[in-house]
C-alpha atoms as a PDB file:
ATOM      1  CA  MET A   1     139.660 100.548 136.529  1.00  0.00           C
ATOM      2  CA  ASP A   2     135.930 101.362 136.937  1.00  0.00           C
ATOM      3  CA  ASN A   3     135.678 102.688 133.372  1.00  0.00           C
ATOM      4  CA  THR A   4     137.290  99.547 132.027  1.00  0.00           C
ATOM      5  CA  THR A   5     134.862  97.374 133.960  1.00  0.00           C
ATOM      6  CA  LYS A   6     131.948  99.440 132.702  1.00  0.00           C
ATOM      7  CA  ASP A   7     133.115  99.120 129.093  1.00  0.00           C
ATOM      8  CA  ASP A   8     133.459  95.354 129.517  1.00  0.00           C
ATOM      9  CA  GLU A   9     129.918  95.150 130.920  1.00  0.00           C
ATOM     10  CA  ILE A  10     128.531  97.161 127.996  1.00  0.00           C
ATOM     11  CA  THR A  11     130.413  94.962 125.511  1.00  0.00           C
ATOM     12  CA  LEU A  12     129.092  91.820 127.126  1.00  0.00           C
ATOM     13  CA  ARG A  13     125.547  93.215 127.121  1.00  0.00           C
ATOM     14  CA  GLU A  14     125.788  94.107 123.462  1.00  0.00           C
ATOM     15  CA  LEU A  15     127.127  90.649 122.675  1.00  0.00           C
ATOM     16  CA  ILE A  16     124.199  89.008 124.483  1.00  0.00           C
ATOM     17  CA  LEU A  17     121.728  91.234 122.642  1.00  0.00           C
ATOM     18  CA  LEU A  18     123.402  90.385 119.336  1.00  0.00           C
ATOM     19  CA  PHE A  19     123.051  86.649 120.012  1.00  0.00           C
ATOM     20  CA  GLN A  20     119.421  87.209 120.918  1.00  0.00           C
ATOM     21  CA  GLU A  21     118.798  88.967 117.605  1.00  0.00           C
ATOM     22  CA  TYR A  22     120.386  86.087 115.680  1.00  0.00           C
ATOM     23  CA  PHE A  23     118.416  83.556 117.702  1.00  0.00           C
ATOM     24  CA  PHE A  24     115.088  85.290 117.068  1.00  0.00           C
ATOM     25  CA  GLU A  25     116.004  85.645 113.387  1.00  0.00           C
ATOM     26  CA  LEU A  26     116.549  81.899 113.166  1.00  0.00           C
ATOM     27  CA  LYS A  27     113.365  81.279 115.153  1.00  0.00           C
ATOM     28  CA  ARG A  28     111.306  83.458 112.781  1.00  0.00           C
ATOM     29  CA  ASN A  29     112.613  81.390 109.836  1.00  0.00           C
ATOM     30  CA  TRP A  30     112.246  78.004 111.512  1.00  0.00           C
ATOM     31  CA  TRP A  31     110.089  76.624 108.729  1.00  0.00           C
ATOM     32  CA  ILE A  32     112.804  77.385 106.132  1.00  0.00           C
ATOM     33  CA  ILE A  33     115.411  75.640 108.285  1.00  0.00           C
ATOM     34  CA  LEU A  34     113.108  72.655 108.794  1.00  0.00           C
ATOM     35  CA  LEU A  35     112.278  72.428 105.091  1.00  0.00           C
ATOM     36  CA  PHE A  36     115.919  72.501 104.011  1.00  0.00           C
ATOM     37  CA  SER A  37     116.848  70.020 106.747  1.00  0.00           C
ATOM     38  CA  ILE A  38     114.288  67.526 105.433  1.00  0.00           C
ATOM     39  CA  VAL A  39     115.397  68.030 101.852  1.00  0.00           C
ATOM     40  CA  SER A  40     119.056  67.666 102.824  1.00  0.00           C
ATOM     41  CA  ALA A  41     118.364  64.539 104.916  1.00  0.00           C
ATOM     42  CA  VAL A  42     116.506  62.895 102.024  1.00  0.00           C
ATOM     43  CA  GLY A  43     119.142  63.888  99.486  1.00  0.00           C
ATOM     44  CA  PHE A  44     122.085  62.779 101.615  1.00  0.00           C
ATOM     45  CA  THR A  45     120.430  59.442 102.412  1.00  0.00           C
ATOM     46  CA  ALA A  46     119.593  58.847  98.749  1.00  0.00           C
ATOM     47  CA  TYR A  47     123.189  59.650  97.769  1.00  0.00           C
ATOM     48  CA  GLN A  48     124.606  57.258 100.366  1.00  0.00           C
ATOM     49  CA  TYR A  49     122.385  54.400  99.266  1.00  0.00           C
ATOM     50  CA  SER A  50     123.050  55.046  95.570  1.00  0.00           C
ATOM     51  CA  LYS A  51     126.760  54.369  96.084  1.00  0.00           C
ATOM     52  CA  PRO A  52     127.919  50.741  95.803  1.00  0.00           C
ATOM     53  CA  THR A  53     128.602  48.931  99.058  1.00  0.00           C
ATOM     54  CA  THR A  54     132.315  48.372  99.628  1.00  0.00           C
ATOM     55  CA  TYR A  55     134.147  46.109 102.035  1.00  0.00           C
ATOM     56  CA  THR A  56     137.533  47.054 103.468  1.00  0.00           C
ATOM     57  CA  SER A  57     139.888  44.357 104.756  1.00  0.00           C
ATOM     58  CA  ASN A  58     142.810  45.255 107.027  1.00  0.00           C
ATOM     59  CA  LEU A  59     146.088  43.490 107.747  1.00  0.00           C
ATOM     60  CA  THR A  60     148.628  44.643 110.322  1.00  0.00           C
ATOM     61  CA  PHE A  61     152.272  43.642 110.488  1.00  0.00           C
ATOM     62  CA  MET A  62     155.549  44.779 111.945  1.00  0.00           C
ATOM     63  CA  MET A  63     159.130  44.611 110.709  1.00  0.00           C
ATOM     64  CA  GLY A  64     162.378  44.441 112.642  1.00  0.00           C
ATOM     65  CA  GLU A  65     164.862  46.903 111.170  1.00  0.00           C
ATOM     66  CA  ASN A  66     168.100  45.170 110.213  1.00  0.00           C
ATOM     67  CA  LYS A  67     171.038  46.981 111.792  1.00  0.00           C
ATOM     68  CA  GLY A  68     173.646  44.991 109.895  1.00  0.00           C
ATOM     69  CA  THR A  69     176.228  42.508 111.095  1.00  0.00           C
ATOM     70  CA  SER A  70     179.489  43.286 112.881  1.00  0.00           C
ATOM     71  CA  PHE A  71     182.482  40.970 113.132  1.00  0.00           C
ATOM     72  CA  SER A  72     185.634  40.917 115.176  1.00  0.00           C
ATOM     73  CA  GLY A  73     188.974  39.150 115.127  1.00  0.00           C
ATOM     74  CA  LEU A  74     189.201  36.160 112.835  1.00  0.00           C
ATOM     75  CA  GLU A  75     185.558  36.580 111.758  1.00  0.00           C
ATOM     76  CA  SER A  76     186.327  40.031 110.348  1.00  0.00           C
ATOM     77  CA  ILE A  77     189.184  38.612 108.273  1.00  0.00           C
ATOM     78  CA  LEU A  78     187.052  35.746 107.007  1.00  0.00           C
ATOM     79  CA  ALA A  79     184.091  37.990 106.288  1.00  0.00           C
ATOM     80  CA  GLY A  80     186.262  40.480 104.444  1.00  0.00           C
ATOM     81  CA  SER A  81     187.958  37.800 102.342  1.00  0.00           C
ATOM     82  CA  PHE A  82     184.558  36.547 101.193  1.00  0.00           C
ATOM     83  CA  GLY A  83     182.960  39.943 100.760  1.00  0.00           C
ATOM     84  CA  LEU A  84     180.733  39.605 103.836  1.00  0.00           C
ATOM     85  CA  SER A  85     181.253  42.964 105.470  1.00  0.00           C
ATOM     86  CA  GLY A  86     178.610  44.040 107.952  1.00  0.00           C
ATOM     87  CA  GLY A  87     176.707  47.033 106.687  1.00  0.00           C
ATOM     88  CA  GLY A  88     173.606  48.802 107.856  1.00  0.00           C
ATOM     89  CA  GLY A  89     170.305  47.596 106.459  1.00  0.00           C
ATOM     90  CA  GLY A  90     167.965  50.360 107.644  1.00  0.00           C
ATOM     91  CA  GLY A  91     164.971  51.539 105.712  1.00  0.00           C
ATOM     92  CA  ASN A  92     163.492  48.077 105.197  1.00  0.00           C
ATOM     93  CA  MET A  93     160.001  49.337 105.897  1.00  0.00           C
ATOM     94  CA  LYS A  94     160.214  52.051 103.232  1.00  0.00           C
ATOM     95  CA  LYS A  95     161.577  49.533 100.730  1.00  0.00           C
ATOM     96  CA  PHE A  96     158.801  47.082 101.573  1.00  0.00           C
ATOM     97  CA  LEU A  97     156.043  49.662 101.089  1.00  0.00           C
ATOM     98  CA  SER A  98     157.621  51.054  97.922  1.00  0.00           C
ATOM     99  CA  LEU A  99     157.820  47.531  96.553  1.00  0.00           C
ATOM    100  CA  SER A 100     154.126  47.010  97.337  1.00  0.00           C
ATOM    101  CA  LYS A 101     153.262  49.803  94.890  1.00  0.00           C
ATOM    102  CA  SER A 102     155.539  48.668  92.073  1.00  0.00           C
ATOM    103  CA  ARG A 103     153.955  47.664  88.787  1.00  0.00           C
ATOM    104  CA  LYS A 104     155.823  44.354  88.792  1.00  0.00           C
ATOM    105  CA  ILE A 105     154.498  43.178  92.162  1.00  0.00           C
ATOM    106  CA  VAL A 106     150.962  44.470  91.641  1.00  0.00           C
ATOM    107  CA  GLY A 107     150.888  42.867  88.196  1.00  0.00           C
ATOM    108  CA  ALA A 108     152.137  39.549  89.565  1.00  0.00           C
ATOM    109  CA  ALA A 109     149.469  39.642  92.282  1.00  0.00           C
ATOM    110  CA  LEU A 110     146.697  40.469  89.821  1.00  0.00           C
ATOM    111  CA  MET A 111     147.719  37.570  87.564  1.00  0.00           C
ATOM    112  CA  GLN A 112     147.360  34.988  90.318  1.00  0.00           C
ATOM    113  CA  LYS A 113     144.328  32.729  90.115  1.00  0.00           C
ATOM    114  CA  LYS A 114     141.833  32.392  92.945  1.00  0.00           C
ATOM    115  CA  THR A 115     138.289  31.184  93.433  1.00  0.00           C
ATOM    116  CA  ILE A 116     136.183  34.224  94.353  1.00  0.00           C
ATOM    117  CA  ASP A 117     132.411  34.080  94.734  1.00  0.00           C
ATOM    118  CA  GLY A 118     132.453  30.563  93.271  1.00  0.00           C
ATOM    119  CA  GLU A 119     134.466  31.417  90.132  1.00  0.00           C
ATOM    120  CA  ASN A 120     138.116  30.509  89.568  1.00  0.00           C
ATOM    121  CA  ASP A 121     139.815  33.306  87.649  1.00  0.00           C
ATOM    122  CA  PHE A 122     142.653  35.813  87.707  1.00  0.00           C
ATOM    123  CA  TYR A 123     142.490  38.448  90.419  1.00  0.00           C
ATOM    124  CA  ALA A 124     142.599  41.036  87.617  1.00  0.00           C
ATOM    125  CA  ASN A 125     139.358  39.679  86.130  1.00  0.00           C
ATOM    126  CA  HIS A 126     137.771  39.417  89.575  1.00  0.00           C
ATOM    127  CA  LEU A 127     138.717  43.048  90.251  1.00  0.00           C
ATOM    128  CA  MET A 128     137.168  44.265  86.997  1.00  0.00           C
ATOM    129  CA  ARG A 129     134.082  42.154  87.611  1.00  0.00           C
ATOM    130  CA  VAL A 130     133.313  43.076  91.236  1.00  0.00           C
ATOM    131  CA  ASN A 131     133.939  46.809  90.730  1.00  0.00           C
ATOM    132  CA  ASN A 132     132.333  46.856  87.274  1.00  0.00           C
ATOM    133  CA  TRP A 133     135.437  48.272  85.583  1.00  0.00           C
ATOM    134  CA  GLU A 134     135.024  47.704  81.864  1.00  0.00           C
ATOM    135  CA  TYR A 135     137.706  47.423  79.180  1.00  0.00           C
ATOM    136  CA  PHE A 136     137.041  46.455  75.592  1.00  0.00           C
ATOM    137  CA  GLU A 137     138.975  44.654  72.862  1.00  0.00           C
ATOM    138  CA  ASP A 138     137.480  46.661  69.969  1.00  0.00           C
ATOM    139  CA  LYS A 139     136.963  50.322  69.218  1.00  0.00           C
ATOM    140  CA  GLU A 140     133.182  49.838  69.060  1.00  0.00           C
ATOM    141  CA  ASN A 141     133.179  48.714  72.733  1.00  0.00           C
ATOM    142  CA  THR A 142     131.170  45.610  71.954  1.00  0.00           C
ATOM    143  CA  LYS A 143     133.539  42.867  73.156  1.00  0.00           C
ATOM    144  CA  ARG A 144     134.588  43.147  76.773  1.00  0.00           C
ATOM    145  CA  PHE A 145     138.227  42.370  77.576  1.00  0.00           C
ATOM    146  CA  TRP A 146     139.283  39.605  79.986  1.00  0.00           C
ATOM    147  CA  PHE A 147     142.715  38.182  80.787  1.00  0.00           C
ATOM    148  CA  THR A 148     143.128  34.613  79.530  1.00  0.00           C
ATOM    149  CA  ARG A 149     146.896  33.892  79.599  1.00  0.00           C
ATOM    150  CA  ASP A 150     148.810  32.748  82.666  1.00  0.00           C
ATOM    151  CA  ASP A 151     152.173  34.286  81.701  1.00  0.00           C
ATOM    152  CA  PHE A 152     151.678  38.005  82.281  1.00  0.00           C
ATOM    153  CA  GLN A 153     155.358  38.619  81.402  1.00  0.00           C
ATOM    154  CA  LYS A 154     154.461  38.012  77.742  1.00  0.00           C
ATOM    155  CA  THR A 155     151.520  40.384  77.517  1.00  0.00           C
ATOM    156  CA  ASP A 156     150.560  42.233  74.359  1.00  0.00           C
ATOM    157  CA  VAL A 157     149.851  45.952  74.013  1.00  0.00           C
ATOM    158  CA  LEU A 158     146.194  45.737  75.096  1.00  0.00           C
ATOM    159  CA  GLU A 159     146.999  43.541  78.096  1.00  0.00           C
ATOM    160  CA  ASN A 160     149.767  45.941  79.135  1.00  0.00           C
ATOM    161  CA  LYS A 161     147.364  48.860  78.830  1.00  0.00           C
ATOM    162  CA  VAL A 162     144.742  47.196  81.025  1.00  0.00           C
ATOM    163  CA  LEU A 163     147.352  46.073  83.573  1.00  0.00           C
ATOM    164  CA  LYS A 164     148.729  49.608  83.839  1.00  0.00           C
ATOM    165  CA  SER A 165     145.214  50.950  84.339  1.00  0.00           C
ATOM    166  CA  LEU A 166     144.446  48.359  87.019  1.00  0.00           C
ATOM    167  CA  HIS A 167     147.777  49.137  88.704  1.00  0.00           C
ATOM    168  CA  GLY A 168     146.694  52.777  88.985  1.00  0.00           C
ATOM    169  CA  LYS A 169     143.331  51.769  90.408  1.00  0.00           C
ATOM    170  CA  VAL A 170     144.995  49.533  92.995  1.00  0.00           C
ATOM    171  CA  VAL A 171     147.754  51.833  94.290  1.00  0.00           C
ATOM    172  CA  GLY A 172     146.299  55.155  93.173  1.00  0.00           C
ATOM    173  CA  THR A 173     147.535  57.961  90.944  1.00  0.00           C
ATOM    174  CA  LYS A 174     148.377  61.621  91.488  1.00  0.00           C
ATOM    175  CA  SER A 175     144.734  62.579  91.073  1.00  0.00           C
ATOM    176  CA  THR A 176     142.823  59.571  92.479  1.00  0.00           C
ATOM    177  CA  GLU A 177     143.095  57.259  95.465  1.00  0.00           C
ATOM    178  CA  GLY A 178     143.595  53.538  95.006  1.00  0.00           C
ATOM    179  CA  ILE A 179     141.878  50.630  96.696  1.00  0.00           C
ATOM    180  CA  PHE A 180     145.178  49.705  98.420  1.00  0.00           C
ATOM    181  CA  LYS A 181     146.270  51.938 101.297  1.00  0.00           C
ATOM    182  CA  HIS A 182     148.795  51.779 104.112  1.00  0.00           C
ATOM    183  CA  GLU A 183     149.217  53.600 107.413  1.00  0.00           C
ATOM    184  CA  ILE A 184     152.220  53.504 109.753  1.00  0.00           C
ATOM    185  CA  ASP A 185     152.051  54.010 113.508  1.00  0.00           C
ATOM    186  CA  GLU A 186     155.259  55.938 114.129  1.00  0.00           C
ATOM    187  CA  LEU A 187     155.330  55.067 117.841  1.00  0.00           C
ATOM    188  CA  SER A 188     154.904  51.299 117.627  1.00  0.00           C
ATOM    189  CA  GLY A 189     156.199  50.747 114.083  1.00  0.00           C
ATOM    190  CA  ILE A 190     153.091  48.684 113.266  1.00  0.00           C
ATOM    191  CA  VAL A 191     151.817  49.025 109.700  1.00  0.00           C
ATOM    192  CA  ASN A 192     148.193  48.664 108.628  1.00  0.00           C
ATOM    193  CA  ILE A 193     147.490  47.877 104.973  1.00  0.00           C
ATOM    194  CA  SER A 194     144.008  47.639 103.527  1.00  0.00           C
ATOM    195  CA  ILE A 195     142.092  46.744 100.369  1.00  0.00           C
ATOM    196  CA  ALA A 196     138.601  48.052  99.575  1.00  0.00           C
ATOM    197  CA  SER A 197     136.328  46.491  96.955  1.00  0.00           C
ATOM    198  CA  GLU A 198     132.699  45.671  96.338  1.00  0.00           C
ATOM    199  CA  SER A 199     133.325  41.994  97.141  1.00  0.00           C
ATOM    200  CA  GLU A 200     133.952  40.905 100.714  1.00  0.00           C
ATOM    201  CA  GLU A 201     135.711  37.721  99.608  1.00  0.00           C
ATOM    202  CA  PHE A 202     137.924  39.550  97.118  1.00  0.00           C
ATOM    203  CA  SER A 203     139.000  42.132  99.712  1.00  0.00           C
ATOM    204  CA  ILE A 204     140.101  39.438 102.161  1.00  0.00           C
ATOM    205  CA  GLU A 205     141.700  36.956  99.759  1.00  0.00           C
ATOM    206  CA  PHE A 206     143.525  39.475  97.586  1.00  0.00           C
ATOM    207  CA  LEU A 207     145.000  41.383 100.520  1.00  0.00           C
ATOM    208  CA  THR A 208     146.284  38.150 102.115  1.00  0.00           C
ATOM    209  CA  ASP A 209     147.864  36.846  98.901  1.00  0.00           C
ATOM    210  CA  PHE A 210     149.188  40.295  98.003  1.00  0.00           C
ATOM    211  CA  PHE A 211     150.967  40.602 101.356  1.00  0.00           C
ATOM    212  CA  ASP A 212     152.445  37.095 101.051  1.00  0.00           C
ATOM    213  CA  LEU A 213     153.753  37.882  97.560  1.00  0.00           C
ATOM    214  CA  ILE A 214     155.370  41.159  98.654  1.00  0.00           C
ATOM    215  CA  ASN A 215     156.938  39.488 101.687  1.00  0.00           C
ATOM    216  CA  GLN A 216     158.303  36.591  99.637  1.00  0.00           C
ATOM    217  CA  TYR A 217     159.767  38.794  96.913  1.00  0.00           C
ATOM    218  CA  PHE A 218     161.195  41.318  99.387  1.00  0.00           C
ATOM    219  CA  THR A 219     162.889  38.580 101.442  1.00  0.00           C
ATOM    220  CA  GLN A 220     164.275  36.930  98.319  1.00  0.00           C
ATOM    221  CA  LYS A 221     165.792  40.132  96.969  1.00  0.00           C
ATOM    222  CA  THR A 222     167.172  41.185 100.353  1.00  0.00           C
ATOM    223  CA  ILE A 223     169.151  37.970 100.948  1.00  0.00           C
ATOM    224  CA  GLU A 224     169.940  37.230  97.291  1.00  0.00           C
ATOM    225  CA  LYS A 225     173.627  38.203  97.326  1.00  0.00           C
ATOM    226  CA  ASN A 226     174.312  36.691 100.732  1.00  0.00           C
ATOM    227  CA  LEU A 227     172.533  33.484  99.768  1.00  0.00           C
ATOM    228  CA  GLU A 228     174.686  33.223  96.664  1.00  0.00           C
ATOM    229  CA  THR A 229     177.842  33.586  98.776  1.00  0.00           C
ATOM    230  CA  TYR A 230     176.595  31.047 101.310  1.00  0.00           C
ATOM    231  CA  THR A 231     175.789  28.544  98.545  1.00  0.00           C
ATOM    232  CA  LEU A 232     179.244  29.012  96.967  1.00  0.00           C
ATOM    233  CA  ILE A 233     181.047  28.391 100.273  1.00  0.00           C
ATOM    234  CA  LYS A 234     178.848  25.413 101.145  1.00  0.00           C
ATOM    235  CA  ASN A 235     179.510  23.785  97.783  1.00  0.00           C
ATOM    236  CA  LYS A 236     183.251  24.233  98.349  1.00  0.00           C
ATOM    237  CA  VAL A 237     183.022  22.711 101.853  1.00  0.00           C
ATOM    238  CA  ASP A 238     180.992  19.777 100.553  1.00  0.00           C
ATOM    239  CA  SER A 239     183.569  19.222  97.805  1.00  0.00           C
ATOM    240  CA  LEU A 240     186.408  19.224 100.369  1.00  0.00           C
ATOM    241  CA  GLN A 241     184.518  16.752 102.527  1.00  0.00           C
ATOM    242  CA  GLN A 242     184.043  14.430  99.564  1.00  0.00           C
ATOM    243  CA  THR A 243     187.754  14.690  98.644  1.00  0.00           C
ATOM    244  CA  ILE A 244     188.744  13.935 102.247  1.00  0.00           C
ATOM    245  CA  SER A 245     186.545  10.854 102.291  1.00  0.00           C
ATOM    246  CA  THR A 246     188.022   9.642  99.022  1.00  0.00           C
ATOM    247  CA  ASN A 247     191.621  10.116 100.174  1.00  0.00           C
ATOM    248  CA  GLU A 248     190.939   8.478 103.549  1.00  0.00           C
ATOM    249  CA  TYR A 249     189.583   5.448 101.714  1.00  0.00           C
ATOM    250  CA  ARG A 250     192.675   5.371  99.459  1.00  0.00           C
ATOM    251  CA  LEU A 251     194.998   5.632 102.483  1.00  0.00           C
ATOM    252  CA  ALA A 252     193.195   2.825 104.255  1.00  0.00           C
ATOM    253  CA  LYS A 253     193.358   0.672 101.137  1.00  0.00           C
ATOM    254  CA  GLU A 254     197.054   1.440 100.658  1.00  0.00           C
ATOM    255  CA  THR A 255     197.793   0.594 104.298  1.00  0.00           C
ATOM    256  CA  ASP A 256     195.943  -2.718 104.067  1.00  0.00           C
ATOM    257  CA  SER A 257     197.628  -3.730 100.823  1.00  0.00           C
ATOM    258  CA  GLY A 258     201.115  -3.243 102.302  1.00  0.00           C
ATOM    259  CA  ARG A 259     200.382  -4.676 105.769  1.00  0.00           C
ATOM    260  CA  ASN A 260     202.810  -7.624 105.441  1.00  0.00           C
ATOM    261  CA  LEU A 261     205.230  -5.901 103.124  1.00  0.00           C
ATOM    262  CA  VAL A 262     207.816  -3.349 104.054  1.00  0.00           C
ATOM    263  CA  LEU A 263     208.370  -1.490 100.798  1.00  0.00           C
ATOM    264  CA  THR A 264     209.692   2.002 100.354  1.00  0.00           C
ATOM    265  CA  MET A 265     207.140   2.676  97.600  1.00  0.00           C
ATOM    266  CA  ASN A 266     204.263   1.813  99.914  1.00  0.00           C
ATOM    267  CA  LYS A 267     205.589   4.123 102.634  1.00  0.00           C
ATOM    268  CA  LEU A 268     206.038   6.992 100.185  1.00  0.00           C
ATOM    269  CA  GLU A 269     202.470   6.635  98.918  1.00  0.00           C
ATOM    270  CA  GLN A 270     201.102   6.573 102.456  1.00  0.00           C
ATOM    271  CA  LEU A 271     203.141   9.624 103.400  1.00  0.00           C
ATOM    272  CA  ARG A 272     201.870  11.497 100.352  1.00  0.00           C
ATOM    273  CA  LEU A 273     198.255  10.636 101.145  1.00  0.00           C
ATOM    274  CA  ARG A 274     198.646  11.658 104.790  1.00  0.00           C
ATOM    275  CA  LYS A 275     200.192  14.954 103.663  1.00  0.00           C
ATOM    276  CA  GLU A 276     197.291  15.618 101.340  1.00  0.00           C
ATOM    277  CA  LEU A 277     194.814  14.758 104.101  1.00  0.00           C
ATOM    278  CA  GLU A 278     196.468  17.177 106.497  1.00  0.00           C
ATOM    279  CA  ILE A 279     196.187  19.980 103.964  1.00  0.00           C
ATOM    280  CA  LEU A 280     192.599  19.041 103.153  1.00  0.00           C
ATOM    281  CA  HIS A 281     191.642  18.983 106.846  1.00  0.00           C
ATOM    282  CA  ILE A 282     193.126  22.467 107.302  1.00  0.00           C
ATOM    283  CA  GLN A 283     191.216  23.734 104.265  1.00  0.00           C
ATOM    284  CA  TYR A 284     188.071  22.040 105.510  1.00  0.00           C
ATOM    285  CA  GLY A 285     188.388  23.678 108.925  1.00  0.00           C
ATOM    286  CA  GLU A 286     188.841  27.104 107.349  1.00  0.00           C
ATOM    287  CA  GLY A 287     185.903  26.414 105.067  1.00  0.00           C
ATOM    288  CA  MET A 288     183.679  25.511 108.016  1.00  0.00           C
ATOM    289  CA  LYS A 289     184.603  28.809 109.709  1.00  0.00           C
ATOM    290  CA  ASN A 290     183.792  30.705 106.530  1.00  0.00           C
ATOM    291  CA  LEU A 291     180.522  28.809 106.227  1.00  0.00           C
ATOM    292  CA  ALA A 292     179.556  29.705 109.794  1.00  0.00           C
ATOM    293  CA  VAL A 293     180.275  33.398 109.136  1.00  0.00           C
ATOM    294  CA  SER A 294     178.320  33.278 105.889  1.00  0.00           C
ATOM    295  CA  GLU A 295     175.348  31.569 107.547  1.00  0.00           C
ATOM    296  CA  TYR A 296     175.358  34.098 110.383  1.00  0.00           C
ATOM    297  CA  THR A 297     175.424  36.968 107.894  1.00  0.00           C
ATOM    298  CA  LEU A 298     172.605  35.420 105.892  1.00  0.00           C
ATOM    299  CA  GLN A 299     170.417  35.185 108.972  1.00  0.00           C
ATOM    300  CA  SER A 300     171.332  38.728 110.015  1.00  0.00           C
ATOM    301  CA  VAL A 301     170.300  40.385 106.753  1.00  0.00           C
ATOM    302  CA  LYS A 302     167.087  38.381 106.434  1.00  0.00           C
ATOM    303  CA  PRO A 303     164.203  40.798 107.069  1.00  0.00           C
ATOM    304  CA  MET A 304     161.867  39.960 109.936  1.00  0.00           C
ATOM    305  CA  VAL A 305     158.329  40.603 108.691  1.00  0.00           C
ATOM    306  CA  GLN A 306     155.701  39.363 111.110  1.00  0.00           C
ATOM    307  CA  SER A 307     151.979  39.588 110.467  1.00  0.00           C
ATOM    308  CA  ILE A 308     149.874  40.498 113.501  1.00  0.00           C
ATOM    309  CA  ASP A 309     146.210  40.591 112.500  1.00  0.00           C
ATOM    310  CA  LEU A 310     145.108  38.954 109.261  1.00  0.00           C
ATOM    311  CA  PRO A 311     141.783  39.902 107.623  1.00  0.00           C
ATOM    312  CA  ILE A 312     138.927  37.633 108.676  1.00  0.00           C
ATOM    313  CA  TYR A 313     135.233  37.281 107.931  1.00  0.00           C
ATOM    314  CA  PRO A 314     132.879  39.061 108.248  1.00  0.00           C
ATOM    315  CA  LEU A 315     133.799  42.539 107.057  1.00  0.00           C
ATOM    316  CA  ARG A 316     131.693  45.556 107.928  1.00  0.00           C
ATOM    317  CA  PRO A 317     130.160  47.212 104.842  1.00  0.00           C
ATOM    318  CA  SER A 318     130.914  50.856 104.140  1.00  0.00           C
ATOM    319  CA  ASP A 319     127.247  51.888 104.143  1.00  0.00           C
ATOM    320  CA  ILE A 320     126.091  54.386 106.774  1.00  0.00           C
ATOM    321  CA  SER A 321     122.956  53.271 108.618  1.00  0.00           C
ATOM    322  CA  LEU A 322     119.652  54.944 107.771  1.00  0.00           C
ATOM    323  CA  PRO A 323     119.232  56.854 111.083  1.00  0.00           C
ATOM    324  CA  ILE A 324     122.791  58.197 110.921  1.00  0.00           C
ATOM    325  CA  SER A 325     122.356  59.230 107.279  1.00  0.00           C
ATOM    326  CA  VAL A 326     119.186  61.135 108.151  1.00  0.00           C
ATOM    327  CA  ILE A 327     120.847  62.842 111.123  1.00  0.00           C
ATOM    328  CA  ILE A 328     123.945  63.844 109.153  1.00  0.00           C
ATOM    329  CA  GLY A 329     121.896  65.075 106.188  1.00  0.00           C
ATOM    330  CA  GLY A 330     119.519  67.023 108.414  1.00  0.00           C
ATOM    331  CA  PHE A 331     122.356  68.627 110.352  1.00  0.00           C
ATOM    332  CA  LEU A 332     124.177  69.684 107.173  1.00  0.00           C
ATOM    333  CA  GLY A 333     120.992  71.205 105.748  1.00  0.00           C
ATOM    334  CA  SER A 334     120.116  73.132 108.906  1.00  0.00           C
ATOM    335  CA  PHE A 335     123.712  74.309 109.341  1.00  0.00           C
ATOM    336  CA  LEU A 336     123.976  75.651 105.806  1.00  0.00           C
ATOM    337  CA  VAL A 337     120.592  77.397 105.718  1.00  0.00           C
ATOM    338  CA  GLY A 338     121.106  78.744 109.256  1.00  0.00           C
ATOM    339  CA  GLY A 339     124.427  80.231 108.197  1.00  0.00           C
ATOM    340  CA  PHE A 340     122.761  81.771 105.140  1.00  0.00           C
ATOM    341  CA  ILE A 341     120.022  83.399 107.286  1.00  0.00           C
ATOM    342  CA  ILE A 342     122.584  84.891 109.701  1.00  0.00           C
ATOM    343  CA  VAL A 343     124.766  86.241 106.880  1.00  0.00           C
ATOM    344  CA  ARG A 344     121.662  87.754 105.255  1.00  0.00           C
ATOM    345  CA  LYS A 345     120.771  89.527 108.531  1.00  0.00           C
ATOM    346  CA  VAL A 346     124.316  90.870 108.928  1.00  0.00           C
ATOM    347  CA  ILE A 347     124.178  92.335 105.419  1.00  0.00           C
ATOM    348  CA  ARG A 348     120.730  93.880 106.031  1.00  0.00           C
ATOM    349  CA  ASP A 349     121.849  95.481 109.300  1.00  0.00           C
ATOM    350  CA  ALA A 350     124.962  96.879 107.656  1.00  0.00           C
ATOM    351  CA  LEU A 351     122.905  98.431 104.839  1.00  0.00           C
ATOM    352  CA  LYS A 352     120.477 100.008 107.366  1.00  0.00           C
ATOM    353  CA  GLU A 353     123.334 101.629 109.288  1.00  0.00           C
ATOM    354  CA  GLU A 354     124.755 103.137 106.118  1.00  0.00           C
ATOM    355  CA  ALA A 355     121.331 104.475 105.177  1.00  0.00           C
END
């Protein structure tokens, strides 16, 4: 027990002496550390201020996961007969975010027109302009390319090439990050999406319109089949209602025309009309039930996307302040040269021991 304690004390003493040696080694070379710290601070600050200033806008939203619709009793029969079975609709968030990176949606967003920095133009042209991304129409690179046509679905080869390149710059590629990013808080389910560009106005306006476009397209595609079914049933119910009104008018007219006459033909016609009306009323009642089920299903599958915080002015620029740049640069320089001095001493001491 005593020997162990003694060994621990010796080890601790040696460790303290070793730290003292390293400290005095750094102290002896203080001027080298100071010199490299100044050089590093100047270089890091110059690098930071040589980069273009970017502005990042953020938008947060949340989405209620659709769990599907369940029916019972008569509703199940009606739903099944019209193809309205209740199925799970999970994974809406993943679909939404995947859709946001599709070439179709990004292309549609880029081909919207907006006034940015006083100029009304396509977002694609604004994006190339504010970030100084150049594309040319000729091989000599003398005539800069700009989008001029509204219908991006009818683009030519060059327009397709530029759109594909801009799509990669927006959402990123395997080797580079894009200006559009998203982050999901797993606990709350809140999603943050952002756009970074060299124009404050572009970052805010494009992100807002981009989100609205994704939301609109996603909602439309999600309810498309159910909306078609609902429209079909509603048209049938409206047609039955119109037929009922027509037959009721005919019955009333037939009754009035034979008010003072007791004719077998009049009675037969009235009986026939009443029979038809009874059948039509039954069909109408069933149709209204089907319509209610269809409407309920339509509302159930409709995704609930709710924005929380929209991007607003002003945005904070990406530049690091001058004092912070100097501190970071100085710390990096002193850390690197200090590490070099310590490693050099370790190597020297090892060589002396071998000698």
